[in-house]
N, C-alpha and C. Protein backbone atom coordinates (compact mmCIF):
# COMPACT_ATOMS: atom_id res chain seq x y z
N MET A 1 53.66 -84.78 34.96
CA MET A 1 53.28 -83.81 35.81
C MET A 1 51.81 -84.11 36.33
N SER A 2 51.61 -83.90 37.67
CA SER A 2 50.29 -84.16 38.24
C SER A 2 49.45 -83.05 37.94
N ILE A 3 48.14 -83.23 38.08
CA ILE A 3 47.09 -82.19 37.90
C ILE A 3 47.35 -81.08 38.85
N LYS A 4 47.63 -81.32 40.15
CA LYS A 4 47.91 -80.34 41.12
C LYS A 4 49.03 -79.43 40.70
N THR A 5 50.17 -80.02 40.26
CA THR A 5 51.34 -79.31 39.79
C THR A 5 51.01 -78.47 38.58
N THR A 6 50.27 -78.99 37.60
CA THR A 6 49.91 -78.32 36.49
C THR A 6 49.00 -77.10 36.79
N LEU A 7 48.04 -77.31 37.68
CA LEU A 7 47.15 -76.24 38.05
C LEU A 7 47.94 -75.10 38.81
N PHE A 8 48.92 -75.52 39.62
CA PHE A 8 49.60 -74.55 40.40
C PHE A 8 50.43 -73.72 39.38
N ALA A 9 51.09 -74.28 38.44
CA ALA A 9 51.85 -73.68 37.35
C ALA A 9 51.01 -72.64 36.60
N ALA A 10 49.79 -73.10 36.23
CA ALA A 10 48.82 -72.21 35.52
C ALA A 10 48.47 -70.97 36.30
N VAL A 11 48.16 -71.19 37.59
CA VAL A 11 47.82 -70.08 38.48
C VAL A 11 49.01 -69.12 38.62
N ALA A 12 50.19 -69.68 38.80
CA ALA A 12 51.42 -68.82 38.93
C ALA A 12 51.65 -68.08 37.69
N ALA A 13 51.47 -68.64 36.54
CA ALA A 13 51.71 -67.90 35.26
C ALA A 13 50.66 -66.81 35.07
N THR A 14 49.43 -67.12 35.50
CA THR A 14 48.34 -66.05 35.39
C THR A 14 48.55 -64.92 36.30
N LEU A 15 49.04 -65.27 37.58
CA LEU A 15 49.31 -64.12 38.51
C LEU A 15 50.45 -63.26 38.02
N THR A 16 51.48 -63.75 37.36
CA THR A 16 52.61 -62.91 36.95
C THR A 16 52.23 -62.11 35.79
N ALA A 17 51.10 -62.39 35.09
CA ALA A 17 50.63 -61.61 33.97
C ALA A 17 49.78 -60.48 34.38
N ILE A 18 49.31 -60.45 35.65
CA ILE A 18 48.42 -59.41 36.16
C ILE A 18 49.34 -58.27 36.63
N PRO A 19 49.04 -57.02 36.20
CA PRO A 19 49.86 -55.85 36.66
C PRO A 19 49.85 -55.71 38.14
N ALA A 20 50.96 -55.23 38.66
CA ALA A 20 51.18 -54.99 40.07
C ALA A 20 50.53 -53.57 40.34
N PHE A 21 49.88 -53.43 41.59
CA PHE A 21 49.28 -52.11 41.87
C PHE A 21 49.26 -51.94 43.37
N ALA A 22 49.26 -50.68 43.76
CA ALA A 22 49.05 -50.24 45.17
C ALA A 22 48.82 -48.76 45.22
N ALA A 23 47.78 -48.36 46.02
CA ALA A 23 47.53 -46.98 46.27
C ALA A 23 47.48 -46.06 45.05
N GLY A 24 46.80 -46.63 43.93
CA GLY A 24 46.67 -45.88 42.72
C GLY A 24 47.80 -46.12 41.80
N ILE A 25 48.85 -46.75 42.12
CA ILE A 25 50.01 -47.01 41.26
C ILE A 25 49.76 -48.47 40.58
N THR A 26 50.00 -48.52 39.28
CA THR A 26 49.92 -49.75 38.58
C THR A 26 51.17 -49.90 37.72
N ILE A 27 51.73 -51.13 37.73
CA ILE A 27 52.96 -51.33 36.96
C ILE A 27 52.56 -52.27 35.79
N ASN A 28 52.77 -51.82 34.57
CA ASN A 28 52.42 -52.58 33.37
C ASN A 28 53.64 -52.85 32.59
N ASP A 29 53.51 -53.99 31.88
CA ASP A 29 54.56 -54.50 30.84
C ASP A 29 55.95 -54.42 31.39
N PRO A 30 56.19 -54.97 32.58
CA PRO A 30 57.58 -54.91 33.13
C PRO A 30 58.42 -56.01 32.44
N TYR A 31 59.72 -55.77 32.18
CA TYR A 31 60.66 -56.76 31.75
C TYR A 31 62.02 -56.34 32.17
N ALA A 32 62.94 -57.30 32.31
CA ALA A 32 64.33 -57.00 32.62
C ALA A 32 65.19 -57.70 31.56
N ARG A 33 66.38 -57.23 31.48
CA ARG A 33 67.37 -57.81 30.49
C ARG A 33 68.81 -57.56 30.92
N VAL A 34 69.66 -58.32 30.36
CA VAL A 34 71.12 -58.12 30.42
C VAL A 34 71.69 -58.15 29.07
N SER A 35 72.83 -57.62 28.86
CA SER A 35 73.50 -57.60 27.58
C SER A 35 74.11 -58.95 27.15
N SER A 36 74.54 -59.78 28.16
CA SER A 36 75.20 -60.98 27.86
C SER A 36 75.03 -61.89 29.06
N MET A 37 75.27 -63.19 28.92
CA MET A 37 75.24 -64.20 30.00
C MET A 37 76.10 -63.86 31.15
N MET A 38 77.25 -63.24 30.85
CA MET A 38 78.28 -62.95 31.82
C MET A 38 78.24 -61.50 32.31
N ALA A 39 77.16 -60.78 31.98
CA ALA A 39 77.04 -59.38 32.41
C ALA A 39 77.04 -59.22 33.90
N LYS A 40 77.59 -58.07 34.36
CA LYS A 40 77.65 -57.75 35.75
C LYS A 40 76.54 -56.74 36.15
N SER A 41 75.73 -56.35 35.13
CA SER A 41 74.67 -55.45 35.35
C SER A 41 73.53 -55.76 34.42
N GLY A 42 72.38 -55.16 34.79
CA GLY A 42 71.19 -55.41 34.00
C GLY A 42 70.20 -54.22 34.22
N ALA A 43 69.04 -54.30 33.54
CA ALA A 43 68.11 -53.20 33.76
C ALA A 43 66.66 -53.70 33.63
N ALA A 44 65.72 -52.92 34.29
CA ALA A 44 64.34 -53.25 34.25
C ALA A 44 63.57 -52.08 33.62
N PHE A 45 62.58 -52.40 32.89
CA PHE A 45 61.73 -51.42 32.18
C PHE A 45 60.29 -51.73 32.45
N MET A 46 59.43 -50.73 32.37
CA MET A 46 58.01 -50.83 32.62
C MET A 46 57.32 -49.53 32.44
N VAL A 47 55.97 -49.54 32.50
CA VAL A 47 55.18 -48.39 32.45
C VAL A 47 54.50 -48.25 33.84
N ILE A 48 54.75 -47.14 34.40
CA ILE A 48 54.11 -46.94 35.81
C ILE A 48 52.96 -45.87 35.63
N GLU A 49 51.71 -46.35 35.95
CA GLU A 49 50.58 -45.48 35.90
C GLU A 49 50.15 -45.08 37.34
N ASN A 50 49.69 -43.77 37.39
CA ASN A 50 49.22 -43.23 38.68
C ASN A 50 47.82 -42.80 38.54
N ALA A 51 46.86 -43.55 39.09
CA ALA A 51 45.47 -43.23 39.00
C ALA A 51 45.06 -42.34 40.16
N ALA A 52 45.92 -42.01 41.02
CA ALA A 52 45.64 -41.16 42.21
C ALA A 52 45.41 -39.73 41.80
N GLY A 53 44.87 -38.89 42.72
CA GLY A 53 44.52 -37.54 42.43
C GLY A 53 45.77 -36.65 42.58
N ALA A 54 46.96 -37.17 43.00
CA ALA A 54 48.14 -36.35 43.25
C ALA A 54 49.30 -37.03 42.66
N ASP A 55 50.26 -36.27 42.28
CA ASP A 55 51.58 -36.83 41.82
C ASP A 55 52.20 -37.69 42.81
N ASP A 56 52.94 -38.63 42.26
CA ASP A 56 53.73 -39.49 43.24
C ASP A 56 55.14 -39.56 42.61
N ARG A 57 56.09 -40.10 43.37
CA ARG A 57 57.44 -40.06 42.78
C ARG A 57 58.10 -41.39 43.16
N LEU A 58 58.66 -42.17 42.12
CA LEU A 58 59.41 -43.33 42.37
C LEU A 58 60.75 -42.86 42.89
N VAL A 59 61.14 -43.20 44.11
CA VAL A 59 62.34 -42.67 44.74
C VAL A 59 63.38 -43.74 44.90
N ALA A 60 63.06 -44.99 44.87
CA ALA A 60 64.16 -46.11 44.99
C ALA A 60 63.56 -47.38 44.50
N ALA A 61 64.48 -48.34 44.36
CA ALA A 61 64.22 -49.71 43.95
C ALA A 61 65.23 -50.59 44.67
N SER A 62 64.81 -51.81 44.86
CA SER A 62 65.72 -52.81 45.44
C SER A 62 65.39 -54.21 44.92
N SER A 63 66.33 -55.07 44.95
CA SER A 63 66.22 -56.49 44.49
C SER A 63 67.30 -57.28 45.04
N ASP A 64 67.07 -58.58 45.21
CA ASP A 64 68.15 -59.41 45.65
C ASP A 64 69.09 -59.93 44.53
N VAL A 65 68.78 -59.53 43.32
CA VAL A 65 69.52 -60.04 42.18
C VAL A 65 70.73 -59.12 41.97
N ALA A 66 70.89 -58.01 42.72
CA ALA A 66 72.04 -57.12 42.52
C ALA A 66 72.49 -56.55 43.86
N GLU A 67 73.86 -56.26 43.88
CA GLU A 67 74.45 -55.68 45.03
C GLU A 67 73.88 -54.30 45.29
N LYS A 68 73.54 -53.63 44.14
CA LYS A 68 73.03 -52.22 44.29
C LYS A 68 72.00 -52.01 43.15
N VAL A 69 70.93 -51.30 43.48
CA VAL A 69 69.88 -51.00 42.48
C VAL A 69 69.69 -49.43 42.52
N GLU A 70 69.72 -48.88 41.35
CA GLU A 70 69.62 -47.47 41.16
C GLU A 70 68.55 -47.06 40.16
N LEU A 71 68.11 -45.80 40.19
CA LEU A 71 67.22 -45.32 39.25
C LEU A 71 68.15 -44.52 38.27
N HIS A 72 68.11 -44.83 36.93
CA HIS A 72 68.97 -44.22 36.02
C HIS A 72 68.27 -43.59 34.82
N THR A 73 68.98 -42.73 34.09
CA THR A 73 68.42 -42.17 32.84
C THR A 73 69.68 -41.98 31.96
N HIS A 74 69.44 -41.46 30.76
CA HIS A 74 70.46 -41.19 29.74
C HIS A 74 70.43 -39.71 29.63
N LYS A 75 71.66 -39.03 29.55
CA LYS A 75 71.72 -37.64 29.34
C LYS A 75 72.84 -37.26 28.39
N GLU A 76 72.62 -36.36 27.55
CA GLU A 76 73.68 -36.01 26.48
C GLU A 76 74.64 -35.06 27.17
N ASP A 77 75.99 -35.46 26.91
CA ASP A 77 77.05 -34.53 27.47
C ASP A 77 77.39 -33.46 26.52
N ASP A 78 78.28 -32.63 26.85
CA ASP A 78 78.76 -31.47 25.96
C ASP A 78 79.27 -31.94 24.61
N MET A 79 79.71 -33.26 24.54
CA MET A 79 80.27 -33.68 23.31
C MET A 79 79.20 -34.40 22.41
N GLY A 80 77.99 -34.43 22.84
CA GLY A 80 76.88 -35.05 22.13
C GLY A 80 76.78 -36.56 22.39
N VAL A 81 77.42 -37.05 23.39
CA VAL A 81 77.44 -38.53 23.75
C VAL A 81 76.46 -38.72 24.88
N MET A 82 75.59 -39.69 24.63
CA MET A 82 74.58 -40.06 25.62
C MET A 82 75.33 -40.90 26.74
N ARG A 83 75.17 -40.43 27.98
CA ARG A 83 75.78 -41.19 29.10
C ARG A 83 74.65 -41.50 30.13
N MET A 84 74.85 -42.72 30.77
CA MET A 84 73.93 -43.20 31.69
C MET A 84 74.36 -42.46 33.10
N ILE A 85 73.28 -41.95 33.81
CA ILE A 85 73.56 -41.32 35.08
C ILE A 85 72.43 -41.73 36.04
N GLU A 86 72.78 -41.77 37.33
CA GLU A 86 71.84 -42.08 38.35
C GLU A 86 70.90 -40.81 38.60
N VAL A 87 69.70 -41.07 38.86
CA VAL A 87 68.72 -39.95 39.14
C VAL A 87 68.32 -40.08 40.64
N GLU A 88 69.08 -39.49 41.45
CA GLU A 88 68.87 -39.61 42.92
C GLU A 88 67.46 -39.16 43.40
N GLU A 89 66.93 -38.13 42.70
CA GLU A 89 65.64 -37.57 43.16
C GLU A 89 64.44 -38.46 42.64
N GLY A 90 64.74 -39.49 41.81
CA GLY A 90 63.73 -40.30 41.28
C GLY A 90 62.93 -39.74 40.18
N PHE A 91 61.77 -40.34 39.87
CA PHE A 91 60.93 -40.00 38.67
C PHE A 91 59.57 -39.61 39.16
N VAL A 92 59.06 -38.54 38.70
CA VAL A 92 57.58 -38.10 38.97
C VAL A 92 56.72 -38.97 38.14
N ILE A 93 55.70 -39.42 38.85
CA ILE A 93 54.59 -40.16 38.17
C ILE A 93 53.40 -39.25 38.26
N PRO A 94 52.95 -38.55 37.25
CA PRO A 94 51.97 -37.56 37.38
C PRO A 94 50.59 -38.14 37.69
N ALA A 95 49.79 -37.39 38.50
CA ALA A 95 48.39 -37.75 38.78
C ALA A 95 47.61 -38.00 37.54
N GLY A 96 46.98 -39.12 37.47
CA GLY A 96 46.23 -39.41 36.33
C GLY A 96 46.98 -39.71 35.07
N GLY A 97 48.31 -39.94 35.18
CA GLY A 97 49.17 -40.08 34.03
C GLY A 97 50.06 -41.27 34.21
N SER A 98 51.02 -41.39 33.42
CA SER A 98 52.06 -42.51 33.45
C SER A 98 53.40 -42.04 33.15
N HIS A 99 54.35 -42.88 33.51
CA HIS A 99 55.85 -42.63 33.20
C HIS A 99 56.40 -43.89 32.72
N ALA A 100 56.98 -43.90 31.53
CA ALA A 100 57.64 -45.05 31.02
C ALA A 100 59.04 -45.18 31.34
N LEU A 101 59.46 -46.35 31.90
CA LEU A 101 60.86 -46.69 32.03
C LEU A 101 61.23 -47.54 30.86
N ALA A 102 61.95 -46.96 29.89
CA ALA A 102 62.18 -47.56 28.65
C ALA A 102 63.70 -47.60 28.33
N ARG A 103 64.02 -48.54 27.47
CA ARG A 103 65.38 -48.61 26.97
C ARG A 103 65.74 -47.27 26.23
N GLY A 104 66.94 -46.81 26.48
CA GLY A 104 67.37 -45.52 26.00
C GLY A 104 66.90 -44.32 26.81
N GLY A 105 66.13 -44.63 27.93
CA GLY A 105 65.58 -43.46 28.74
C GLY A 105 65.78 -43.87 30.25
N ASP A 106 64.68 -43.45 30.99
CA ASP A 106 64.75 -43.77 32.41
C ASP A 106 64.56 -45.27 32.57
N HIS A 107 65.17 -45.85 33.65
CA HIS A 107 65.16 -47.31 33.91
C HIS A 107 65.62 -47.61 35.33
N VAL A 108 65.40 -48.92 35.74
CA VAL A 108 65.97 -49.39 37.02
C VAL A 108 67.14 -50.15 36.58
N MET A 109 68.33 -49.77 37.25
CA MET A 109 69.63 -50.39 36.96
C MET A 109 70.05 -51.30 38.05
N PHE A 110 70.39 -52.50 37.64
CA PHE A 110 70.89 -53.56 38.58
C PHE A 110 72.43 -53.62 38.44
N LEU A 111 73.13 -53.21 39.50
CA LEU A 111 74.63 -53.16 39.48
C LEU A 111 75.20 -54.27 40.34
N GLY A 112 76.11 -54.99 39.85
CA GLY A 112 76.73 -56.15 40.63
C GLY A 112 75.76 -57.33 40.74
N LEU A 113 75.35 -57.83 39.60
CA LEU A 113 74.36 -59.02 39.68
C LEU A 113 74.86 -60.09 40.54
N THR A 114 74.05 -60.65 41.31
CA THR A 114 74.37 -61.74 42.30
C THR A 114 74.11 -63.09 41.68
N ARG A 115 73.54 -63.15 40.51
CA ARG A 115 73.27 -64.36 39.70
C ARG A 115 73.06 -64.07 38.26
N GLU A 116 73.22 -65.04 37.47
CA GLU A 116 72.95 -64.89 36.02
C GLU A 116 71.42 -64.65 35.82
N LEU A 117 71.04 -63.79 34.88
CA LEU A 117 69.65 -63.58 34.56
C LEU A 117 69.45 -64.28 33.16
N ASP A 118 68.72 -65.34 33.17
CA ASP A 118 68.44 -66.08 31.87
C ASP A 118 67.05 -65.75 31.43
N HIS A 119 66.89 -65.83 30.09
CA HIS A 119 65.60 -65.59 29.49
C HIS A 119 64.51 -66.42 30.18
N GLY A 120 63.44 -65.77 30.62
CA GLY A 120 62.38 -66.51 31.29
C GLY A 120 62.37 -66.49 32.76
N ASP A 121 63.60 -66.17 33.41
CA ASP A 121 63.69 -66.05 34.80
C ASP A 121 62.77 -64.91 35.32
N MET A 122 62.42 -65.06 36.58
CA MET A 122 61.62 -63.96 37.28
C MET A 122 62.48 -63.25 38.29
N VAL A 123 62.35 -61.95 38.30
CA VAL A 123 63.14 -61.10 39.20
C VAL A 123 62.17 -60.38 40.08
N ASP A 124 62.31 -60.51 41.42
CA ASP A 124 61.52 -59.67 42.40
C ASP A 124 62.19 -58.35 42.60
N VAL A 125 61.42 -57.26 42.30
CA VAL A 125 61.89 -55.98 42.48
C VAL A 125 60.91 -55.18 43.29
N THR A 126 61.35 -54.49 44.33
CA THR A 126 60.50 -53.53 45.13
C THR A 126 60.76 -52.18 44.80
N LEU A 127 59.72 -51.48 44.32
CA LEU A 127 59.70 -50.07 43.94
C LEU A 127 59.18 -49.29 45.11
N THR A 128 59.89 -48.24 45.46
CA THR A 128 59.46 -47.43 46.56
C THR A 128 59.06 -45.96 46.07
N PHE A 129 57.78 -45.73 46.38
CA PHE A 129 57.11 -44.42 46.02
C PHE A 129 56.98 -43.55 47.25
N GLU A 130 57.07 -42.28 47.05
CA GLU A 130 56.78 -41.27 48.20
C GLU A 130 55.42 -41.48 48.80
N GLN A 131 54.42 -41.57 48.04
CA GLN A 131 53.03 -41.66 48.50
C GLN A 131 52.55 -43.08 48.57
N ALA A 132 52.67 -43.92 47.59
CA ALA A 132 52.12 -45.27 47.56
C ALA A 132 52.99 -46.22 48.39
N GLY A 133 54.14 -45.87 48.75
CA GLY A 133 55.01 -46.74 49.54
C GLY A 133 55.64 -47.87 48.64
N ASP A 134 55.85 -49.02 49.20
CA ASP A 134 56.58 -50.14 48.45
C ASP A 134 55.50 -50.98 47.65
N VAL A 135 56.03 -51.20 46.41
CA VAL A 135 55.22 -52.03 45.50
C VAL A 135 56.16 -53.05 44.98
N THR A 136 55.92 -54.37 45.30
CA THR A 136 56.77 -55.48 44.79
C THR A 136 56.20 -55.98 43.51
N VAL A 137 57.08 -56.12 42.52
CA VAL A 137 56.74 -56.57 41.26
C VAL A 137 57.60 -57.79 40.81
N GLN A 138 57.07 -58.82 40.23
CA GLN A 138 57.69 -59.99 39.71
C GLN A 138 57.89 -59.57 38.16
N ILE A 139 59.20 -59.43 37.89
CA ILE A 139 59.56 -58.94 36.47
C ILE A 139 60.18 -60.18 35.67
N PRO A 140 59.67 -60.48 34.51
CA PRO A 140 60.30 -61.54 33.70
C PRO A 140 61.48 -61.03 33.02
N VAL A 141 62.50 -61.84 32.90
CA VAL A 141 63.72 -61.61 32.04
C VAL A 141 63.31 -61.86 30.60
N ASP A 142 63.39 -60.85 29.78
CA ASP A 142 63.09 -61.05 28.33
C ASP A 142 64.32 -60.59 27.52
N LEU A 143 65.04 -61.52 27.04
CA LEU A 143 66.30 -61.27 26.28
C LEU A 143 65.98 -61.14 24.80
N GLU A 144 64.75 -61.36 24.41
CA GLU A 144 64.42 -61.37 23.00
C GLU A 144 63.67 -60.16 22.51
N ARG A 145 63.21 -59.36 23.43
CA ARG A 145 62.37 -58.17 23.17
C ARG A 145 63.17 -57.12 22.38
N LYS A 146 62.61 -56.63 21.33
CA LYS A 146 63.21 -55.62 20.50
C LYS A 146 63.21 -54.24 21.28
N PRO A 147 64.06 -53.27 20.97
CA PRO A 147 64.08 -52.04 21.69
C PRO A 147 62.74 -51.29 21.68
N MET A 148 62.03 -51.26 20.64
CA MET A 148 60.74 -50.49 20.53
C MET A 148 59.52 -51.37 20.92
N HIS A 149 59.68 -52.59 21.43
CA HIS A 149 58.61 -53.44 21.72
C HIS A 149 58.18 -53.23 23.14
N GLY A 150 56.87 -52.89 23.21
CA GLY A 150 56.30 -52.63 24.57
C GLY A 150 56.77 -51.38 25.07
N GLY A 151 56.03 -50.75 25.99
CA GLY A 151 56.36 -49.44 26.65
C GLY A 151 56.53 -48.42 25.60
N GLN A 152 57.17 -47.30 25.92
CA GLN A 152 57.31 -46.22 24.98
C GLN A 152 58.75 -45.74 25.05
N MET A 153 59.33 -45.38 23.95
CA MET A 153 60.73 -44.88 23.97
C MET A 153 60.60 -43.41 24.50
N GLN A 154 61.64 -43.07 25.23
CA GLN A 154 61.73 -41.72 25.77
C GLN A 154 62.17 -40.81 24.66
N HIS A 155 61.72 -39.60 24.72
CA HIS A 155 62.24 -38.60 23.73
C HIS A 155 63.67 -38.09 24.17
N GLY A 156 64.21 -37.35 23.38
CA GLY A 156 65.56 -36.77 23.74
C GLY A 156 66.74 -37.57 23.31
N MET A 157 66.53 -38.59 22.55
CA MET A 157 67.70 -39.44 22.20
C MET A 157 68.47 -38.68 21.07
N GLY A 158 67.75 -37.93 20.24
CA GLY A 158 68.55 -37.17 19.21
C GLY A 158 69.40 -38.09 18.38
N ASP A 159 70.47 -37.43 17.83
CA ASP A 159 71.44 -38.21 17.04
C ASP A 159 72.67 -38.46 17.81
N GLY A 160 72.58 -38.41 19.14
CA GLY A 160 73.82 -38.63 19.93
C GLY A 160 74.17 -40.05 19.94
N HIS A 161 75.32 -40.32 20.44
CA HIS A 161 75.88 -41.73 20.51
C HIS A 161 75.73 -42.19 21.94
N MET A 162 75.43 -43.46 22.07
CA MET A 162 75.31 -44.05 23.48
C MET A 162 76.68 -44.51 24.00
N ASN A 163 77.00 -44.15 25.27
CA ASN A 163 78.19 -44.66 25.87
C ASN A 163 77.84 -45.17 27.26
N HIS A 164 77.80 -46.49 27.35
CA HIS A 164 77.36 -47.07 28.57
C HIS A 164 78.53 -47.63 29.42
N GLY A 165 79.71 -47.53 28.93
CA GLY A 165 80.87 -48.18 29.67
C GLY A 165 80.59 -49.59 29.92
N ASP A 166 81.03 -50.10 31.11
CA ASP A 166 80.92 -51.53 31.46
C ASP A 166 79.53 -51.82 32.11
N MET A 167 78.72 -50.83 32.39
CA MET A 167 77.57 -51.01 33.23
C MET A 167 76.36 -51.26 32.63
N ALA A 168 76.06 -50.95 31.36
CA ALA A 168 74.71 -50.96 30.80
C ALA A 168 74.43 -52.24 29.94
N PRO A 169 73.18 -52.66 30.00
CA PRO A 169 72.76 -53.60 29.07
C PRO A 169 72.70 -53.11 27.63
N SER A 170 72.78 -53.91 26.65
CA SER A 170 72.66 -53.46 25.34
C SER A 170 71.22 -52.89 25.01
N ASN A 171 71.11 -51.93 24.19
CA ASN A 171 69.73 -51.42 23.80
C ASN A 171 69.29 -51.89 22.46
């Protein structure tokens, strides 16, 4: 490997480690995963911080790795079973605060993957906020991270059972 190639690789690796930010919004500790090599869906997780003086709202996400990208959460049904549902109104990111997209809670869902996501791959995701606009993030695929590693687990999981059907990555 030439010095130029090595230097380019080092700069690229450093840039992907820097959090993405725009108009007071910072994206920290992003990662994506799938449940298996042949999975048709996957998810992305991260901590979104809002340093602005007003609340913002994550209202959409897009990526070329999936036919459809949605904002999802888990909600307990009448039978005590946790089900994954789309959150069409998005997620509030409080002024001066943060919101964790974490396994078992709120997350970005990739439906109809257009390619396999292997450990170490990078996924480009554009997050759309009401106030900050579009923020594009390069998210590493991390198939080795444990559920409580990085970010924060959302409350409300209780003792319910998870039911993801065919669409969710394993937690």
